[in-house]
Every structure is written in C-alpha cells, then in structure tokens.
Amino acid sequence: MMATAENRQVPAKHAVTSPARKLIRPVAALAAVIGFQLLLASVFIGVLHRPALHDAPVAVAGSSRLVSALQAHGTDGAIRLVPEPDAAAARAAVRDQQAYAAIVTGPSSDELLTAAARSPGTATLLTAGLTQAAAKVHVPLQVRDLEPLPASDPSGISAFFLVVGWILGGYVGATVLGLMLGGMRGTSIRQVAQRLVMLAGYAAASGLVGALLIGPVMGVVSGYNLALAGLGILVTSASAVATAGLQGALGMPGTLIAVIGMVVIGDPTAGQSIATSLLARPWNVIGQGLPPGAGLTAARSVIYLNGTGLTGPLTVLAVYVLAGALLMLAAAARRQRRQAASPAAASPATPAAAAA
C-alpha cells in the first residue's frame, strides 16, 4: 500500500514541475538570441559610429609651406608623412598601395595624389583635410586621382557585395552540405575527404559564376576577369572550409562561431562602409585578418588596382582554407580513434558480465 501511495505521488510531482522544465530551454534560447543581437549591435556601433583617420601613410616628395606646416604642427595621429626621394617614387607609393595619398611639391603649387579606387572614404577625407591645411598656409593645391573608380561603379561598392555573396555562400554551402551528408561532424577521414572535394567543386562554381555576374552579365567589370574568378574560388573556399572545420570540431555551434566571425565582426571591419584606415585599433587589424576584409582588399586590387598588394590578403585566405581542412581532418581522426577504442574498452567487462 505504501508503494502504491508513492507511485501516485510521483506523477503529481512531475505534473507540477514538468511545465517549468519545458520552459527552461526556450527561455535560454531566446536569451542567447538577445545576446547575439547585443553583440551584433555593439560591434557595428563600436566600429562605425566615429570614423576618423588613424596613422594613414601619406607620401611626400619635396618641401613646401604645406609640408612644413604639417611637420611642425603635427597631424594628431591622423596621417603619417612618409618622405620619398622624388615625384615618381611618391606616385609609385600610391599606385602600389604603400600610401593612401602623396603630396608632390612644386615651385608655385603643390599636388595631392589620391587613389579613390583603393578607399573612396579615405581619399575624400584626405582631400578635404589637406585642402583645408593648404588654404591656411596659402599654398595652392591641385588634386589628381591616380586610381579613379570607373563610371560603371562610381561608389566602388560592387566589389564588397560580390565578396559578401561569396562569403555568405561559403558558410551556407558548408552547412547545407553537412546536413545533406548526415551531420556536421565527419566520422572518418574518407568522409572528410569527400566533403572537401565537394566544397572545392562548389567553390569553383561560385567563383566562376560570380565573375560572370559582375562582368558580362551586369557590366561592372569589362569582360570576363579570370583573376577575379580565381579570387572568388579562394574566398568561397576560405569561408566554406573554415566553417566546415568549426562544424567538424563543434557541431552546429561551429556555424554560429563562423557567422559571428565572418558577419558580425567581418562585415563592419572589411573596409567598405568605413575604410580600414578610418577604423580604430584593433578593428583595423582584425578586419584584414578575416575573410571578408581580406577578400574585399584583394577584389579591389584585382578589379581596380592592377593586382597590386595581393600577397597579404591572399595569404590570409589561404590560411583559412588550410586551417579549416586540418581541423576537419583532426576532428575526424579523433572520432575514429574513439570508435576504435570503445570495443576494446568494453571487452574486459564481457567476462565479468558472463560470470555474473
């Protein structure tokens, strides 16, 4: 009779606590979403709310009242004057992306050389600031854009959206492929190799189609740019393989980490809405170390700047591909070892169970 009474009390107890327990997980999930919202807002606001020049290199060839005034009174850390031996070296520094602008002095006036295609926002701020400084010391300043944006893309935003499409396609493609193949976490080296081959094929198609879209289809770029297609393959691979690596190690939470890195942090620090040189530290460094920033810098170089300064961003993208692949392989190898060890661990218990 006592056992019967206890059995009657248990369901009553569960009837009271079960609804509360059912609410814990959805409430925790919504709290996590609110945390994600706050993270997204705080990064965008923190990065973009007060753009200003920070130590932007400006090449200088010769001496004038404008240059003397900038050297004497300082620039409050906004720009950094880099002496060059002559006007040709100053122009080369701008064209090779070693400087955002150059001041070439002359007997009656100075010349300001900019490169809007590299960073429209930086060129605008430098032109406004140095023009004002020249007016204060009564030095005529002529402005010339060495690398202007084409009429087909006067805002220079097309490269950014193309790279965003490749990045988005990369982590979505990795996620869809993981779900279609039975799970995010590879259980064998063979399965990981199969996934990498499929991701490589997907990245190739994505890069080739993206270059076709921005070129012959929409006319932003003249003709079909094979170098841009190759870059698209690398950008998509960096996003897809890095995401797959995180998913292989962590499962679905790896997707969230990839989104935070490539969207929440990567997009505002990439250098489109606010140029990299206008971001305070450490955002200006972090942005170029993530696939969106490295991809945008490389895309601008390929489309507008004759392929200069590609070594750094291409290296960053290649590192993400390699790191993601190694992480996938390491996670799969670890699971294989665990699966191989589990029967051995269970076998000593078998005789004892038989004896019992």
Protein backbone atom coordinates (compact mmCIF):
# COMPACT_ATOMS: atom_id res chain seq x y z
CA MET A 1 0.00 0.00 0.00
CA MET A 2 2.85 2.40 0.79
CA ALA A 3 4.50 1.71 -2.58
CA THR A 4 1.18 2.38 -4.25
CA ALA A 5 0.90 5.75 -2.50
CA GLU A 6 4.42 6.70 -3.52
CA ASN A 7 3.68 5.78 -7.13
CA ARG A 8 0.62 8.00 -7.02
CA GLN A 9 2.63 10.94 -5.70
CA VAL A 10 5.36 10.84 -8.40
CA PRO A 11 3.13 11.72 -11.34
CA ALA A 12 1.63 14.55 -9.30
CA LYS A 13 5.11 15.92 -8.60
CA HIS A 14 6.08 15.70 -12.28
CA ALA A 15 2.82 17.33 -13.25
CA VAL A 16 3.84 20.37 -11.21
CA THR A 17 7.49 20.64 -12.34
CA SER A 18 7.26 19.48 -15.96
CA PRO A 19 5.79 22.73 -17.44
CA ALA A 20 8.50 24.80 -15.75
CA ARG A 21 11.21 22.49 -17.02
CA LYS A 22 9.81 22.70 -20.53
CA LEU A 23 10.18 26.47 -20.43
CA ILE A 24 13.86 26.44 -19.47
CA ARG A 25 15.23 25.56 -22.90
CA PRO A 26 13.16 28.04 -24.98
CA VAL A 27 13.84 30.83 -22.48
CA ALA A 28 17.56 30.05 -22.58
CA ALA A 29 17.45 30.01 -26.40
CA LEU A 30 15.71 33.40 -26.52
CA ALA A 31 18.24 34.80 -24.05
CA ALA A 32 21.02 33.58 -26.33
CA VAL A 33 19.33 35.32 -29.28
CA ILE A 34 19.19 38.56 -27.29
CA GLY A 35 22.88 38.16 -26.53
CA PHE A 36 23.56 37.71 -30.25
CA GLN A 37 21.56 40.87 -31.02
CA LEU A 38 23.53 42.86 -28.46
CA LEU A 39 26.81 41.53 -29.84
CA LEU A 40 25.82 42.44 -33.40
CA ALA A 41 24.71 45.95 -32.42
CA SER A 42 27.72 46.62 -30.19
CA VAL A 43 30.21 45.62 -32.89
CA PHE A 44 28.57 47.70 -35.61
CA ILE A 45 28.14 50.72 -33.32
CA GLY A 46 31.59 50.41 -31.81
CA VAL A 47 33.30 50.10 -35.18
CA LEU A 48 31.31 52.54 -37.29
CA HIS A 49 29.98 55.28 -35.04
CA ARG A 50 33.02 57.59 -35.17
CA PRO A 51 35.19 57.10 -38.27
CA ALA A 52 38.46 59.04 -38.35
CA LEU A 53 41.87 58.73 -39.95
CA HIS A 54 44.38 56.76 -37.91
CA ASP A 55 48.04 56.92 -38.94
CA ALA A 56 47.21 56.85 -42.67
CA PRO A 57 50.50 56.93 -44.64
CA VAL A 58 50.90 59.91 -46.98
CA ALA A 59 53.99 60.03 -49.21
CA VAL A 60 55.80 63.37 -49.52
CA ALA A 61 58.17 64.41 -52.30
CA GLY A 62 59.92 67.75 -51.77
CA SER A 63 59.35 70.57 -49.32
CA SER A 64 56.82 73.39 -49.18
CA ARG A 65 54.96 75.55 -46.69
CA LEU A 66 52.21 72.93 -46.55
CA VAL A 67 54.64 70.10 -45.76
CA SER A 68 56.49 72.26 -43.22
CA ALA A 69 53.22 73.17 -41.51
CA LEU A 70 52.16 69.52 -41.30
CA GLN A 71 55.55 68.53 -39.88
CA ALA A 72 55.66 71.43 -37.39
CA HIS A 73 52.13 71.27 -36.03
CA GLY A 74 51.59 67.54 -36.34
CA THR A 75 48.51 65.76 -37.59
CA ASP A 76 47.08 64.43 -34.29
CA GLY A 77 47.88 60.90 -35.41
CA ALA A 78 45.52 61.12 -38.40
CA ILE A 79 48.22 60.79 -41.05
CA ARG A 80 51.85 59.74 -41.17
CA LEU A 81 54.14 61.58 -43.56
CA VAL A 82 56.48 59.24 -45.46
CA PRO A 83 59.37 61.02 -47.27
CA GLU A 84 60.06 59.90 -50.84
CA PRO A 85 63.10 60.86 -52.96
CA ASP A 86 61.12 62.29 -55.89
CA ALA A 87 57.70 62.66 -57.50
CA ALA A 88 57.97 59.33 -59.35
CA ALA A 89 58.60 57.47 -56.09
CA ALA A 90 55.65 59.23 -54.46
CA ARG A 91 53.34 58.25 -57.32
CA ALA A 92 54.62 54.67 -57.15
CA ALA A 93 53.88 54.55 -53.42
CA VAL A 94 50.24 55.43 -54.11
CA ARG A 95 49.86 53.05 -57.06
CA ASP A 96 51.49 50.17 -55.15
CA GLN A 97 49.22 50.76 -52.12
CA GLN A 98 52.11 51.77 -49.87
CA ALA A 99 50.45 55.15 -49.22
CA TYR A 100 46.87 56.39 -49.35
CA ALA A 101 47.94 59.67 -50.94
CA ALA A 102 51.01 61.70 -51.87
CA ILE A 103 51.97 65.35 -51.71
CA VAL A 104 54.27 66.41 -54.54
CA THR A 105 55.59 69.91 -54.01
CA GLY A 106 56.24 72.42 -56.76
CA PRO A 107 57.58 75.97 -57.16
CA SER A 108 54.17 77.64 -57.27
CA SER A 109 51.73 74.97 -56.10
CA ASP A 110 51.56 71.50 -54.57
CA GLU A 111 49.83 68.44 -55.98
CA LEU A 112 47.82 65.95 -53.97
CA LEU A 113 47.69 62.47 -55.50
CA THR A 114 44.94 60.13 -54.28
CA ALA A 115 43.58 56.68 -55.15
CA ALA A 116 39.79 56.59 -54.74
CA ALA A 117 39.56 53.03 -56.06
CA ARG A 118 41.54 51.76 -53.08
CA SER A 119 39.43 53.56 -50.49
CA PRO A 120 36.87 56.21 -51.52
CA GLY A 121 36.24 57.34 -47.95
CA THR A 122 39.92 57.77 -47.16
CA ALA A 123 40.52 59.72 -50.38
CA THR A 124 37.62 62.03 -49.56
CA LEU A 125 38.82 62.75 -46.01
CA LEU A 126 42.43 63.26 -47.06
CA THR A 127 41.40 65.62 -49.86
CA ALA A 128 39.21 67.67 -47.53
CA GLY A 129 41.73 67.82 -44.69
CA LEU A 130 44.81 68.61 -46.78
CA THR A 131 42.96 71.14 -48.91
CA GLN A 132 41.96 72.97 -45.73
CA ALA A 133 45.51 72.79 -44.39
CA ALA A 134 46.90 74.16 -47.69
CA ALA A 135 44.44 77.04 -47.64
CA LYS A 136 45.61 78.06 -44.15
CA VAL A 137 49.21 78.47 -45.33
CA HIS A 138 48.14 79.93 -48.71
CA VAL A 139 49.53 77.12 -50.83
CA PRO A 140 47.56 76.28 -54.00
CA LEU A 141 46.80 72.55 -54.01
CA GLN A 142 45.85 70.64 -57.13
CA VAL A 143 44.15 67.26 -56.61
CA ARG A 144 44.62 64.36 -59.02
CA ASP A 145 43.16 60.88 -58.66
CA LEU A 146 45.68 58.30 -59.86
CA GLU A 147 43.26 55.37 -59.48
CA PRO A 148 39.72 56.68 -60.01
CA LEU A 149 36.68 54.45 -59.78
CA PRO A 150 35.15 53.54 -63.15
CA ALA A 151 31.92 55.10 -64.36
CA SER A 152 30.32 51.64 -64.18
CA ASP A 153 30.92 51.55 -60.41
CA PRO A 154 31.27 55.14 -59.15
CA SER A 155 30.75 54.22 -55.48
CA GLY A 156 33.07 51.21 -55.54
CA ILE A 157 30.53 49.11 -53.68
CA SER A 158 30.18 46.31 -56.22
CA ALA A 159 33.33 44.51 -55.08
CA PHE A 160 32.05 44.49 -51.50
CA PHE A 161 28.71 42.89 -52.35
CA LEU A 162 30.38 40.35 -54.60
CA VAL A 163 32.69 39.31 -51.75
CA VAL A 164 29.75 39.25 -49.30
CA GLY A 165 27.94 36.90 -51.68
CA TRP A 166 30.94 34.58 -51.82
CA ILE A 167 31.36 34.64 -48.02
CA LEU A 168 27.65 34.03 -47.40
CA GLY A 169 27.58 31.24 -49.96
CA GLY A 170 30.62 29.67 -48.35
CA TYR A 171 29.22 29.13 -44.86
CA VAL A 172 25.69 28.39 -46.07
CA GLY A 173 27.07 25.87 -48.56
CA ALA A 174 29.15 24.18 -45.88
CA THR A 175 26.11 23.98 -43.59
CA VAL A 176 23.77 22.61 -46.26
CA LEU A 177 26.35 20.04 -47.35
CA GLY A 178 26.89 18.92 -43.77
CA LEU A 179 23.16 18.40 -43.27
CA MET A 180 22.79 16.56 -46.57
CA LEU A 181 25.67 14.21 -45.78
CA GLY A 182 24.21 13.16 -42.44
CA GLY A 183 25.79 15.51 -39.91
CA MET A 184 28.24 18.35 -39.38
CA ARG A 185 30.88 16.19 -37.75
CA GLY A 186 32.81 13.91 -40.05
CA THR A 187 33.19 10.42 -38.63
CA SER A 188 36.01 9.28 -40.92
CA ILE A 189 38.89 10.62 -42.96
CA ARG A 190 37.16 9.34 -46.08
CA GLN A 191 34.01 11.29 -45.29
CA VAL A 192 36.03 14.47 -44.70
CA ALA A 193 37.88 13.99 -47.99
CA GLN A 194 34.55 13.57 -49.78
CA ARG A 195 33.23 16.76 -48.18
CA LEU A 196 36.37 18.71 -49.10
CA VAL A 197 36.14 17.60 -52.73
CA MET A 198 32.51 18.66 -52.89
CA LEU A 199 33.29 22.01 -51.26
CA ALA A 200 36.09 22.56 -53.77
CA GLY A 201 33.70 21.94 -56.65
CA TYR A 202 31.13 24.25 -55.09
CA ALA A 203 33.73 27.00 -54.57
CA ALA A 204 34.89 26.67 -58.18
CA ALA A 205 31.36 27.08 -59.47
CA SER A 206 30.73 30.00 -57.12
CA GLY A 207 33.86 31.89 -58.18
CA LEU A 208 33.29 31.33 -61.91
CA VAL A 209 29.63 32.38 -61.76
CA GLY A 210 30.41 35.43 -59.59
CA ALA A 211 32.95 36.75 -62.09
CA LEU A 212 30.41 36.15 -64.86
CA LEU A 213 27.76 38.10 -62.95
CA ILE A 214 29.86 41.19 -62.23
CA GLY A 215 31.42 41.15 -65.70
CA PRO A 216 29.48 40.17 -68.83
CA VAL A 217 26.05 39.99 -67.14
CA MET A 218 25.99 43.30 -65.22
CA GLY A 219 28.85 45.16 -66.90
CA VAL A 220 30.53 46.41 -63.74
CA VAL A 221 33.81 44.88 -64.91
CA SER A 222 34.81 44.93 -68.55
CA GLY A 223 34.68 41.39 -69.97
CA TYR A 224 35.29 38.20 -68.04
CA ASN A 225 38.04 38.53 -65.42
CA LEU A 226 39.72 35.16 -64.83
CA ALA A 227 41.79 36.55 -61.96
CA LEU A 228 38.60 37.67 -60.23
CA ALA A 229 37.08 34.23 -60.76
CA GLY A 230 40.15 32.64 -59.18
CA LEU A 231 39.85 35.03 -56.24
CA GLY A 232 36.19 34.08 -55.87
CA ILE A 233 37.14 30.41 -55.66
CA LEU A 234 39.62 31.20 -52.89
CA VAL A 235 37.22 33.48 -50.96
CA THR A 236 34.40 30.93 -51.11
CA SER A 237 36.79 28.14 -50.12
CA ALA A 238 38.08 30.14 -47.15
CA SER A 239 34.54 30.72 -45.87
CA ALA A 240 33.26 27.22 -46.61
CA VAL A 241 36.22 25.16 -45.38
CA ALA A 242 36.74 27.29 -42.26
CA THR A 243 33.05 26.88 -41.41
CA ALA A 244 33.19 23.13 -42.09
CA GLY A 245 36.24 22.88 -39.84
CA LEU A 246 34.43 24.59 -36.97
CA GLN A 247 31.38 22.40 -37.57
CA GLY A 248 33.53 19.29 -37.63
CA ALA A 249 35.03 20.15 -34.27
CA LEU A 250 31.98 21.65 -32.53
CA GLY A 251 28.89 20.65 -34.50
CA MET A 252 26.18 23.25 -35.08
CA PRO A 253 27.73 25.74 -32.60
CA GLY A 254 30.60 25.95 -35.08
CA THR A 255 28.19 27.55 -37.56
CA LEU A 256 27.36 30.26 -35.03
CA ILE A 257 31.05 30.98 -34.45
CA ALA A 258 31.58 31.23 -38.22
CA VAL A 259 28.67 33.67 -38.56
CA ILE A 260 29.97 35.82 -35.70
CA GLY A 261 33.46 35.92 -37.19
CA MET A 262 32.53 36.48 -40.82
CA VAL A 263 29.36 38.58 -40.49
CA VAL A 264 29.08 40.20 -37.06
CA ILE A 265 32.78 41.14 -36.92
CA GLY A 266 33.91 40.59 -40.51
CA ASP A 267 31.44 42.78 -42.41
CA PRO A 268 31.75 46.09 -40.49
CA THR A 269 35.55 45.82 -40.35
CA ALA A 270 36.02 44.79 -44.00
CA GLY A 271 36.61 48.36 -45.14
CA GLN A 272 33.60 49.20 -47.32
CA SER A 273 31.17 51.34 -45.34
CA ILE A 274 34.12 52.68 -43.35
CA ALA A 275 37.60 52.27 -44.82
CA THR A 276 40.17 50.25 -42.90
CA SER A 277 42.32 53.34 -42.33
CA LEU A 278 39.36 55.03 -40.60
CA LEU A 279 38.88 52.27 -38.05
CA ALA A 280 40.46 52.49 -34.63
CA ARG A 281 42.68 49.72 -33.34
CA PRO A 282 42.25 46.80 -33.04
CA TRP A 283 39.41 46.79 -35.59
CA ASN A 284 41.63 47.92 -38.48
CA VAL A 285 43.91 44.94 -37.83
CA ILE A 286 41.16 42.42 -37.05
CA GLY A 287 39.23 43.27 -40.22
CA GLN A 288 42.10 42.45 -42.55
CA GLY A 289 42.67 39.16 -40.73
CA LEU A 290 39.16 37.87 -41.54
CA PRO A 291 37.94 36.53 -44.91
CA PRO A 292 35.57 39.47 -45.71
CA GLY A 293 38.28 42.11 -45.21
CA ALA A 294 40.99 40.12 -46.97
CA GLY A 295 38.58 39.24 -49.78
CA LEU A 296 37.48 42.85 -50.31
CA THR A 297 41.05 44.15 -50.33
CA ALA A 298 42.02 41.51 -52.89
CA ALA A 299 38.92 42.12 -55.02
CA ARG A 300 39.58 45.86 -55.18
CA SER A 301 43.15 45.15 -56.18
CA VAL A 302 42.12 42.77 -58.96
CA ILE A 303 39.27 44.94 -60.28
CA TYR A 304 40.63 48.47 -59.89
CA LEU A 305 44.33 48.46 -58.94
CA ASN A 306 46.06 46.16 -61.45
CA GLY A 307 46.65 43.39 -58.91
CA THR A 308 48.96 45.30 -56.56
CA GLY A 309 49.25 44.38 -52.88
CA LEU A 310 47.75 40.90 -53.22
CA THR A 311 50.28 38.93 -51.17
CA GLY A 312 48.83 39.75 -47.75
CA PRO A 313 45.11 39.15 -48.40
CA LEU A 314 45.72 36.01 -50.47
CA THR A 315 47.86 34.60 -47.67
CA VAL A 316 45.09 35.26 -45.13
CA LEU A 317 42.50 33.48 -47.28
CA ALA A 318 44.81 30.51 -47.91
CA VAL A 319 45.45 30.15 -44.17
CA TYR A 320 41.70 29.83 -43.52
CA VAL A 321 41.40 27.12 -46.15
CA LEU A 322 44.34 25.17 -44.74
CA ALA A 323 43.30 25.62 -41.10
CA GLY A 324 39.72 24.55 -41.82
CA ALA A 325 40.83 21.42 -43.68
CA LEU A 326 43.26 20.44 -40.92
CA LEU A 327 40.58 20.98 -38.28
CA MET A 328 38.15 18.76 -40.18
CA LEU A 329 40.75 16.00 -40.54
CA ALA A 330 41.88 16.23 -36.92
CA ALA A 331 38.31 16.05 -35.60
CA ALA A 332 37.51 13.04 -37.79
CA ALA A 333 40.72 11.25 -36.82
CA ARG A 334 39.92 11.78 -33.16
CA ARG A 335 36.48 10.26 -33.59
CA GLN A 336 37.94 7.30 -35.45
CA ARG A 337 40.34 6.64 -32.56
CA ARG A 338 37.48 6.81 -30.07
CA GLN A 339 35.38 4.41 -32.11
CA ALA A 340 38.31 2.01 -32.42
CA ALA A 341 38.99 2.15 -28.67
CA SER A 342 35.39 1.69 -27.50
CA PRO A 343 35.09 -2.07 -28.31
CA ALA A 344 38.42 -2.73 -26.58
CA ALA A 345 37.25 -0.85 -23.54
CA ALA A 346 34.05 -2.82 -23.44
CA SER A 347 35.63 -6.27 -23.91
CA PRO A 348 37.13 -6.64 -20.37
CA ALA A 349 33.66 -6.21 -18.93
CA THR A 350 32.28 -9.06 -21.03
CA PRO A 351 33.76 -11.95 -18.97
CA ALA A 352 32.61 -10.34 -15.74
CA ALA A 353 29.14 -9.98 -17.14
CA ALA A 354 29.18 -13.60 -18.23
CA ALA A 355 30.36 -14.71 -14.80
CA ALA A 356 27.60 -12.77 -13.15
